[in-house]
Amino acid sequence: MLYYLFTYLEQTIQPPGFQVFQYITVRAALSAITALFIALFIGRSIINWLSRRQMGEQVREGTDAGAVSHTHKAGTPTMGGVIILLSIFGSTLLWGAIAEPYIWLVMLATAWMGATGFADDYIKTIKKNKAGLSPRAKIISQVTLGIIVGVCLYFLPEFEAFRAYTSLPFVPDGRIDYFFFRDWVPGDIDLGWLVYIPVVIFILTAVSNAVNITDGLDGLCTGVTAFVAAGLLVLAYISGNVVWADFLNEMYLPGAGELTVFAAALCAACFGFLWFNGYPATIFMGDTGSLALGAAVAVMTLEIRKELLLPLLGAVYFLETLSVIIQTSYFKYTKRKTGTGVRVFRMAPLHHHFEAKGTHEVKIVTRFYIITFMTVVAALLTLRIR
């Protein structure tokens, strides 16, 4: 809103200095400062409010051998994702060009999954039902959102020039055409959406669930996502800047630069929440935060056509999810073959495996931060390996 106000004043009254608000870098910096301030300012009040209403974490102990006890965390206020969401939306509404499809689409996705996560947390904390929202309901919500996002990214005129394409890392001028069977379709019939929309559904569902799985130790998901958001900030700026896109031989996406403002807010909101969520955490983000963060990361990568970088950019998310898949699949396979299930890890997801081996959670979280920093830098370096 302030962006549009300052733009109007700059064009009509023309006060000196107001032209700086046209620069995305200036607004991104202001967005980060605002988001950080909101998180720090409202964080303590929300924690106290949740504590007074006894909206604390319901710890469900594992039955696996070697399972780690988290009973000491029971009662810690949850639903802290509200702090992150208020910080992101408050900052983006002030400094972002919210009428741009890039911005309102990622805000819609973040709010949608934030609401889904809020419903899950509400059932767990208020209704005292540890099962929370049913898996079926979560999947329906994710798939529905995926359809909406996929349709928007494919059919809105702002995305028309590159609707069926995505960047292919390590290849000069590399891109993948999702409409790979266009030569087999007669006339000008566009059927690329038959492939693209299912891809969007899969990515959005997978990433939101992966971020949710990563949220298991104090500050882990928050810090990892902050680093990922910083990487997306750089990628969004390059994609939306014709000079940098040309210099780095990247796909130029007019309007994508506005995502820099959102990414800056996301990054700063996570760091602000980390003030309270770091070990020992005084609040957890809950599904309100983790599902929303996953949707934000997924939609941003889809919008800037960098979804193939996700396994590298979000390597920790990927490894955490892979550990769960391996653990579950191998246990079921060995139980069916031998009658006794065998586990690959002491506990899944991966962070609990290391915890079960005796590594303190602070050290695990710190090491995962380092890994994420390195993989984000590696993802950015792929822009020059062409």
Protein backbone atom coordinates (compact mmCIF):
# COMPACT_ATOMS: atom_id res chain seq x y z
CA MET A 1 0.00 0.00 0.00
CA LEU A 2 2.82 2.38 0.81
CA TYR A 3 4.38 1.46 -2.53
CA TYR A 4 1.30 2.66 -4.40
CA LEU A 5 1.00 5.78 -2.21
CA PHE A 6 4.61 6.78 -2.78
CA THR A 7 4.30 6.02 -6.50
CA TYR A 8 1.24 8.29 -6.72
CA LEU A 9 2.98 11.09 -4.83
CA GLU A 10 6.12 10.73 -6.93
CA GLN A 11 4.09 11.01 -10.14
CA THR A 12 1.87 13.91 -9.01
CA ILE A 13 3.52 16.07 -6.38
CA GLN A 14 7.03 14.82 -7.21
CA PRO A 15 8.58 15.36 -3.76
CA PRO A 16 12.36 14.96 -3.77
CA GLY A 17 13.69 11.51 -2.92
CA PHE A 18 10.43 9.60 -3.36
CA GLN A 19 11.69 8.01 -6.57
CA VAL A 20 13.82 5.62 -4.51
CA PHE A 21 10.67 3.65 -3.67
CA GLN A 22 10.49 2.56 -7.30
CA TYR A 23 13.63 0.48 -6.75
CA ILE A 24 12.93 -3.11 -5.80
CA THR A 25 16.14 -3.32 -3.77
CA VAL A 26 15.04 -0.41 -1.56
CA ARG A 27 11.58 -1.88 -1.00
CA ALA A 28 13.05 -5.34 -0.34
CA ALA A 29 15.30 -3.87 2.35
CA LEU A 30 12.37 -2.00 3.90
CA SER A 31 10.26 -5.15 3.67
CA ALA A 32 12.88 -7.16 5.59
CA ILE A 33 13.21 -4.50 8.29
CA THR A 34 9.44 -4.23 8.66
CA ALA A 35 8.92 -8.00 8.85
CA LEU A 36 11.67 -8.37 11.45
CA PHE A 37 10.24 -5.53 13.52
CA ILE A 38 6.71 -6.98 13.40
CA ALA A 39 7.93 -10.45 14.45
CA LEU A 40 9.94 -9.09 17.37
CA PHE A 41 7.27 -6.60 18.42
CA ILE A 42 4.24 -8.92 18.42
CA GLY A 43 6.03 -12.19 19.21
CA ARG A 44 6.10 -11.88 23.00
CA SER A 45 2.48 -10.70 23.16
CA ILE A 46 1.26 -13.65 21.10
CA ILE A 47 3.30 -16.11 23.18
CA ASN A 48 1.80 -14.74 26.39
CA TRP A 49 -1.70 -14.85 24.90
CA LEU A 50 -1.29 -18.48 23.82
CA SER A 51 0.19 -19.42 27.20
CA ARG A 52 -2.71 -17.90 29.13
CA ARG A 53 -5.12 -19.99 27.08
CA GLN A 54 -2.99 -23.11 27.54
CA MET A 55 -2.63 -23.60 23.78
CA GLY A 56 0.47 -25.72 24.16
CA GLU A 57 2.12 -28.51 22.22
CA GLN A 58 0.62 -31.96 22.59
CA VAL A 59 3.65 -34.28 22.57
CA ARG A 60 3.02 -37.73 21.14
CA GLU A 61 5.77 -40.10 22.21
CA GLY A 62 7.16 -42.60 19.72
CA THR A 63 7.08 -46.31 20.40
CA ASP A 64 10.16 -47.14 18.34
CA ALA A 65 13.29 -48.46 19.96
CA GLY A 66 15.69 -45.61 20.40
CA ALA A 67 12.90 -43.02 20.22
CA VAL A 68 13.75 -39.64 21.71
CA SER A 69 11.62 -38.28 24.54
CA HIS A 70 10.29 -34.75 24.03
CA THR A 71 8.03 -34.72 27.07
CA HIS A 72 9.91 -31.68 28.41
CA LYS A 73 8.49 -29.68 25.48
CA ALA A 74 4.88 -30.49 26.29
CA GLY A 75 2.86 -27.36 26.99
CA THR A 76 5.11 -25.04 24.97
CA PRO A 77 2.80 -22.65 23.08
CA THR A 78 2.24 -23.65 19.47
CA MET A 79 0.48 -22.02 16.49
CA GLY A 80 3.37 -19.56 16.42
CA GLY A 81 3.17 -19.60 12.65
CA VAL A 82 0.68 -16.76 13.14
CA ILE A 83 3.66 -14.54 14.02
CA ILE A 84 5.41 -15.45 10.78
CA LEU A 85 2.28 -14.94 8.68
CA LEU A 86 1.49 -11.55 10.22
CA SER A 87 5.07 -10.45 9.62
CA ILE A 88 5.10 -11.59 5.99
CA PHE A 89 1.72 -10.20 5.04
CA GLY A 90 2.08 -6.97 6.99
CA SER A 91 5.40 -6.22 5.36
CA THR A 92 4.45 -7.30 1.84
CA LEU A 93 1.19 -5.34 1.93
CA LEU A 94 3.14 -2.22 2.83
CA TRP A 95 6.03 -2.48 0.39
CA GLY A 96 5.00 -4.89 -2.35
CA ALA A 97 3.13 -4.27 -5.59
CA ILE A 98 0.32 -6.55 -4.45
CA ALA A 99 -1.65 -6.13 -7.67
CA GLU A 100 1.07 -8.04 -9.53
CA PRO A 101 0.16 -11.72 -10.16
CA TYR A 102 3.52 -12.88 -8.83
CA ILE A 103 2.77 -11.32 -5.44
CA TRP A 104 -0.91 -12.04 -4.93
CA LEU A 105 -0.53 -15.64 -6.08
CA VAL A 106 2.23 -16.48 -3.60
CA MET A 107 0.34 -14.63 -0.86
CA LEU A 108 -2.79 -16.62 -1.66
CA ALA A 109 -0.87 -19.90 -1.47
CA THR A 110 0.80 -18.95 1.81
CA ALA A 111 -2.49 -17.87 3.38
CA TRP A 112 -4.31 -20.97 2.08
CA MET A 113 -1.88 -23.45 3.61
CA GLY A 114 -1.54 -21.28 6.71
CA ALA A 115 -5.30 -21.63 7.20
CA THR A 116 -5.07 -25.39 6.65
CA GLY A 117 -2.29 -25.64 9.22
CA PHE A 118 -4.23 -23.42 11.62
CA ALA A 119 -7.19 -25.80 11.41
CA ASP A 120 -4.88 -28.71 12.22
CA ASP A 121 -3.32 -26.89 15.19
CA TYR A 122 -6.75 -25.80 16.43
CA ILE A 123 -8.01 -29.37 16.50
CA LYS A 124 -4.88 -30.51 18.34
CA THR A 125 -4.67 -27.71 20.91
CA ILE A 126 -8.24 -26.54 21.46
CA LYS A 127 -10.13 -29.76 20.77
CA LYS A 128 -7.33 -31.80 22.39
CA ASN A 129 -7.37 -34.29 19.53
CA LYS A 130 -3.76 -35.32 18.90
CA ALA A 131 -4.63 -36.68 15.45
CA GLY A 132 -5.40 -33.17 14.20
CA LEU A 133 -6.78 -32.56 10.75
CA SER A 134 -7.16 -35.78 8.80
CA PRO A 135 -4.50 -36.58 6.18
CA ARG A 136 -7.27 -36.75 3.58
CA ALA A 137 -8.37 -33.19 4.37
CA LYS A 138 -4.80 -31.92 4.13
CA ILE A 139 -4.26 -33.60 0.77
CA ILE A 140 -7.54 -32.22 -0.58
CA SER A 141 -6.47 -28.74 0.51
CA GLN A 142 -3.03 -29.09 -1.09
CA VAL A 143 -4.35 -30.55 -4.34
CA THR A 144 -7.04 -27.87 -4.64
CA LEU A 145 -4.47 -25.14 -4.10
CA GLY A 146 -2.15 -26.83 -6.60
CA ILE A 147 -4.89 -26.75 -9.23
CA ILE A 148 -5.53 -23.05 -8.59
CA VAL A 149 -1.83 -22.17 -8.74
CA GLY A 150 -1.25 -24.33 -11.82
CA VAL A 151 -4.17 -22.80 -13.69
CA CYS A 152 -3.02 -19.27 -12.81
CA LEU A 153 0.61 -19.91 -13.81
CA TYR A 154 -0.44 -21.46 -17.09
CA PHE A 155 -3.38 -19.38 -18.27
CA LEU A 156 -2.88 -15.86 -16.91
CA PRO A 157 -1.64 -13.55 -19.69
CA GLU A 158 1.31 -12.38 -17.57
CA PHE A 159 2.80 -15.89 -17.81
CA GLU A 160 1.81 -16.62 -21.41
CA ALA A 161 5.28 -16.29 -22.99
CA PHE A 162 6.85 -18.99 -20.79
CA ARG A 163 3.84 -20.85 -19.37
CA ALA A 164 5.04 -24.35 -20.29
CA TYR A 165 8.75 -23.84 -19.63
CA THR A 166 11.11 -24.20 -16.70
CA SER A 167 14.83 -23.60 -16.35
CA LEU A 168 17.18 -26.56 -16.74
CA PRO A 169 20.33 -26.18 -14.58
CA PHE A 170 23.84 -26.77 -15.97
CA VAL A 171 22.72 -26.46 -19.60
CA PRO A 172 23.38 -23.34 -21.75
CA ASP A 173 20.03 -21.68 -22.48
CA GLY A 174 18.61 -24.77 -20.84
CA ARG A 175 14.90 -25.11 -20.42
CA ILE A 176 12.33 -27.90 -20.34
CA ASP A 177 9.10 -27.68 -22.26
CA TYR A 178 6.33 -29.38 -20.29
CA PHE A 179 4.33 -29.45 -23.49
CA PHE A 180 6.79 -32.01 -24.85
CA PHE A 181 4.18 -33.58 -27.11
CA ARG A 182 3.25 -30.36 -28.91
CA ASP A 183 4.51 -31.73 -32.26
CA TRP A 184 2.01 -34.56 -32.01
CA VAL A 185 -0.98 -32.26 -31.44
CA PRO A 186 -2.67 -30.97 -34.61
CA GLY A 187 -3.28 -27.25 -35.09
CA ASP A 188 -2.75 -24.70 -32.33
CA ILE A 189 -4.38 -26.69 -29.56
CA ASP A 190 -2.50 -26.08 -26.29
CA LEU A 191 -2.53 -29.16 -24.08
CA GLY A 192 0.61 -28.42 -22.08
CA TRP A 193 -1.53 -27.83 -19.01
CA LEU A 194 -2.24 -31.58 -18.89
CA VAL A 195 1.36 -32.05 -17.76
CA TYR A 196 2.10 -28.72 -16.10
CA ILE A 197 -0.80 -28.61 -13.62
CA PRO A 198 -0.12 -32.12 -12.21
CA VAL A 199 3.55 -31.10 -11.85
CA VAL A 200 2.50 -28.01 -9.86
CA ILE A 201 0.21 -30.11 -7.66
CA PHE A 202 3.01 -32.59 -6.96
CA ILE A 203 5.62 -29.93 -6.16
CA LEU A 204 3.36 -27.87 -3.92
CA THR A 205 2.16 -30.93 -2.01
CA ALA A 206 5.63 -32.43 -1.70
CA VAL A 207 7.36 -29.24 -0.54
CA SER A 208 4.68 -28.20 1.97
CA ASN A 209 4.79 -31.69 3.51
CA ALA A 210 8.60 -31.74 3.45
CA VAL A 211 8.83 -28.46 5.35
CA ASN A 212 6.26 -29.79 7.79
CA ILE A 213 8.39 -32.91 8.38
CA THR A 214 11.49 -30.75 8.94
CA ASP A 215 9.77 -28.90 11.78
CA GLY A 216 10.86 -31.21 14.58
CA LEU A 217 13.60 -29.47 16.59
CA ASP A 218 13.83 -26.02 18.11
CA GLY A 219 14.66 -23.53 15.38
CA LEU A 220 15.36 -26.16 12.72
CA CYS A 221 12.64 -25.44 10.17
CA THR A 222 12.71 -21.70 10.90
CA GLY A 223 16.43 -21.24 10.27
CA VAL A 224 16.59 -23.58 7.28
CA THR A 225 13.69 -21.75 5.62
CA ALA A 226 15.33 -18.38 6.30
CA PHE A 227 18.40 -19.47 4.32
CA VAL A 228 16.25 -20.92 1.53
CA ALA A 229 14.28 -17.67 1.36
CA ALA A 230 17.53 -15.72 1.05
CA GLY A 231 18.46 -17.86 -1.93
CA LEU A 232 15.04 -17.34 -3.50
CA LEU A 233 15.44 -13.60 -2.98
CA VAL A 234 18.55 -13.62 -5.16
CA LEU A 235 16.98 -15.88 -7.78
CA ALA A 236 13.83 -13.75 -7.96
CA TYR A 237 15.81 -10.55 -8.37
CA ILE A 238 17.91 -12.01 -11.18
CA SER A 239 14.87 -13.47 -12.96
CA GLY A 240 13.07 -10.13 -12.91
CA ASN A 241 16.04 -7.98 -13.91
CA VAL A 242 16.67 -7.91 -17.66
CA VAL A 243 20.36 -6.99 -17.27
CA TRP A 244 21.23 -9.70 -14.77
CA ALA A 245 19.10 -12.30 -16.53
CA ASP A 246 20.89 -11.61 -19.79
CA PHE A 247 24.32 -11.57 -18.13
CA LEU A 248 23.72 -14.92 -16.43
CA ASN A 249 21.94 -16.39 -19.45
CA GLU A 250 18.75 -16.90 -17.46
CA MET A 251 15.10 -16.77 -18.45
CA TYR A 252 13.90 -13.17 -18.06
CA LEU A 253 10.50 -13.00 -16.38
CA PRO A 254 8.96 -9.50 -16.43
CA GLY A 255 7.41 -8.74 -13.05
CA ALA A 256 9.15 -11.55 -11.18
CA GLY A 257 11.40 -9.04 -9.46
CA GLU A 258 8.51 -8.13 -7.17
CA LEU A 259 8.98 -11.50 -5.49
CA THR A 260 12.18 -10.04 -4.05
CA VAL A 261 10.03 -7.99 -1.67
CA PHE A 262 8.07 -11.06 -0.57
CA ALA A 263 11.20 -13.21 -0.23
CA ALA A 264 12.86 -10.52 1.91
CA ALA A 265 9.81 -10.45 4.18
CA LEU A 266 9.81 -14.26 4.40
CA CYS A 267 13.49 -14.41 5.28
CA ALA A 268 13.28 -11.67 7.92
CA ALA A 269 10.05 -13.08 9.40
CA CYS A 270 11.80 -16.43 9.91
CA PHE A 271 14.79 -14.81 11.57
CA GLY A 272 12.46 -12.76 13.75
CA PHE A 273 10.54 -15.88 14.78
CA LEU A 274 13.86 -17.62 15.46
CA TRP A 275 14.37 -15.10 18.29
CA PHE A 276 11.67 -17.01 20.19
CA ASN A 277 11.90 -20.40 18.46
CA GLY A 278 15.62 -21.00 19.00
CA TYR A 279 16.69 -23.52 21.64
CA PRO A 280 15.11 -23.69 24.14
CA ALA A 281 12.02 -22.68 22.19
CA THR A 282 9.39 -20.58 23.93
CA ILE A 283 6.99 -21.16 21.02
CA PHE A 284 6.56 -23.59 18.12
CA MET A 285 5.32 -22.61 14.68
CA GLY A 286 3.00 -25.62 14.39
CA ASP A 287 1.43 -26.61 11.10
CA THR A 288 0.18 -23.03 10.81
CA GLY A 289 3.74 -22.02 10.04
CA SER A 290 5.32 -25.09 8.45
CA LEU A 291 2.62 -25.75 5.85
CA ALA A 292 2.48 -22.05 4.97
CA LEU A 293 6.26 -21.79 4.62
CA GLY A 294 6.31 -24.87 2.41
CA ALA A 295 3.65 -23.38 0.14
CA ALA A 296 5.54 -20.07 -0.06
CA VAL A 297 8.81 -21.79 -1.04
CA ALA A 298 7.09 -24.05 -3.58
CA VAL A 299 5.10 -21.32 -5.31
CA MET A 300 8.05 -18.92 -5.49
CA THR A 301 10.23 -21.53 -7.18
CA LEU A 302 7.42 -22.34 -9.60
CA GLU A 303 6.85 -18.68 -10.41
CA ILE A 304 10.51 -18.04 -11.24
CA ARG A 305 10.74 -21.38 -13.10
CA LYS A 306 13.40 -22.82 -10.80
CA GLU A 307 11.56 -25.83 -9.41
CA LEU A 308 14.28 -28.21 -10.65
CA LEU A 309 16.66 -26.54 -8.19
CA LEU A 310 14.50 -27.50 -5.22
CA PRO A 311 16.38 -30.73 -4.32
CA LEU A 312 19.55 -28.63 -4.03
CA LEU A 313 18.10 -25.39 -2.71
CA GLY A 314 16.04 -27.23 -0.09
CA ALA A 315 18.35 -30.21 0.38
CA VAL A 316 17.52 -30.53 4.07
CA TYR A 317 13.80 -30.74 3.26
CA PHE A 318 14.58 -33.38 0.65
CA LEU A 319 16.79 -35.48 2.94
CA GLU A 320 14.30 -35.33 5.82
CA THR A 321 11.48 -36.53 3.58
CA LEU A 322 13.65 -39.19 1.96
CA SER A 323 14.56 -40.59 5.37
CA VAL A 324 10.88 -41.02 6.22
CA ILE A 325 10.17 -42.71 2.88
CA ILE A 326 13.13 -45.08 3.28
CA GLN A 327 12.27 -45.89 6.90
CA THR A 328 8.61 -46.61 6.20
CA SER A 329 9.15 -48.49 2.95
CA TYR A 330 11.95 -50.72 4.22
CA PHE A 331 10.13 -51.49 7.47
CA LYS A 332 7.01 -52.58 5.59
CA TYR A 333 9.05 -54.59 3.08
CA THR A 334 11.04 -56.50 5.71
CA LYS A 335 7.95 -57.11 7.81
CA ARG A 336 6.14 -58.57 4.82
CA LYS A 337 9.14 -60.75 3.89
CA THR A 338 10.34 -61.90 7.29
CA GLY A 339 7.53 -61.08 9.69
CA THR A 340 9.76 -58.65 11.58
CA GLY A 341 10.16 -55.08 10.46
CA VAL A 342 13.70 -53.71 10.21
CA ARG A 343 14.50 -50.00 10.50
CA VAL A 344 17.25 -48.25 8.54
CA PHE A 345 17.39 -45.30 10.94
CA ARG A 346 16.99 -45.33 14.70
CA MET A 347 14.15 -42.89 14.22
CA ALA A 348 12.74 -40.86 11.37
CA PRO A 349 12.85 -38.11 10.19
CA LEU A 350 16.61 -37.75 9.93
CA HIS A 351 17.04 -35.15 12.69
CA HIS A 352 15.54 -37.58 15.22
CA HIS A 353 17.96 -40.29 14.04
CA PHE A 354 20.92 -38.14 15.05
CA GLU A 355 19.16 -37.15 18.26
CA ALA A 356 18.62 -40.82 19.11
CA LYS A 357 22.35 -41.40 18.59
CA GLY A 358 23.07 -38.88 21.35
CA THR A 359 23.79 -35.71 19.40
CA HIS A 360 22.36 -32.65 21.12
CA GLU A 361 19.62 -30.93 19.15
CA VAL A 362 21.49 -27.62 19.11
CA LYS A 363 24.39 -29.26 17.31
CA ILE A 364 22.03 -31.00 14.87
CA VAL A 365 20.25 -27.74 14.08
CA THR A 366 23.52 -25.86 13.64
CA ARG A 367 24.88 -28.51 11.27
CA PHE A 368 21.68 -28.47 9.24
CA TYR A 369 22.01 -24.67 8.99
CA ILE A 370 25.54 -25.10 7.63
CA ILE A 371 24.38 -27.71 5.12
CA THR A 372 21.56 -25.45 3.97
CA PHE A 373 23.89 -22.48 3.58
CA MET A 374 26.22 -24.55 1.41
CA THR A 375 23.44 -26.00 -0.74
CA VAL A 376 21.84 -22.58 -1.26
CA VAL A 377 25.21 -21.19 -2.38
CA ALA A 378 25.63 -24.21 -4.66
CA ALA A 379 22.19 -23.57 -6.16
CA LEU A 380 23.16 -19.96 -6.87
CA LEU A 381 26.44 -21.09 -8.45
CA THR A 382 24.51 -23.14 -11.00
CA LEU A 383 23.58 -19.83 -12.62
CA ARG A 384 27.14 -19.52 -13.87
CA ILE A 385 27.71 -23.17 -14.74
CA ARG A 386 26.32 -22.99 -18.25
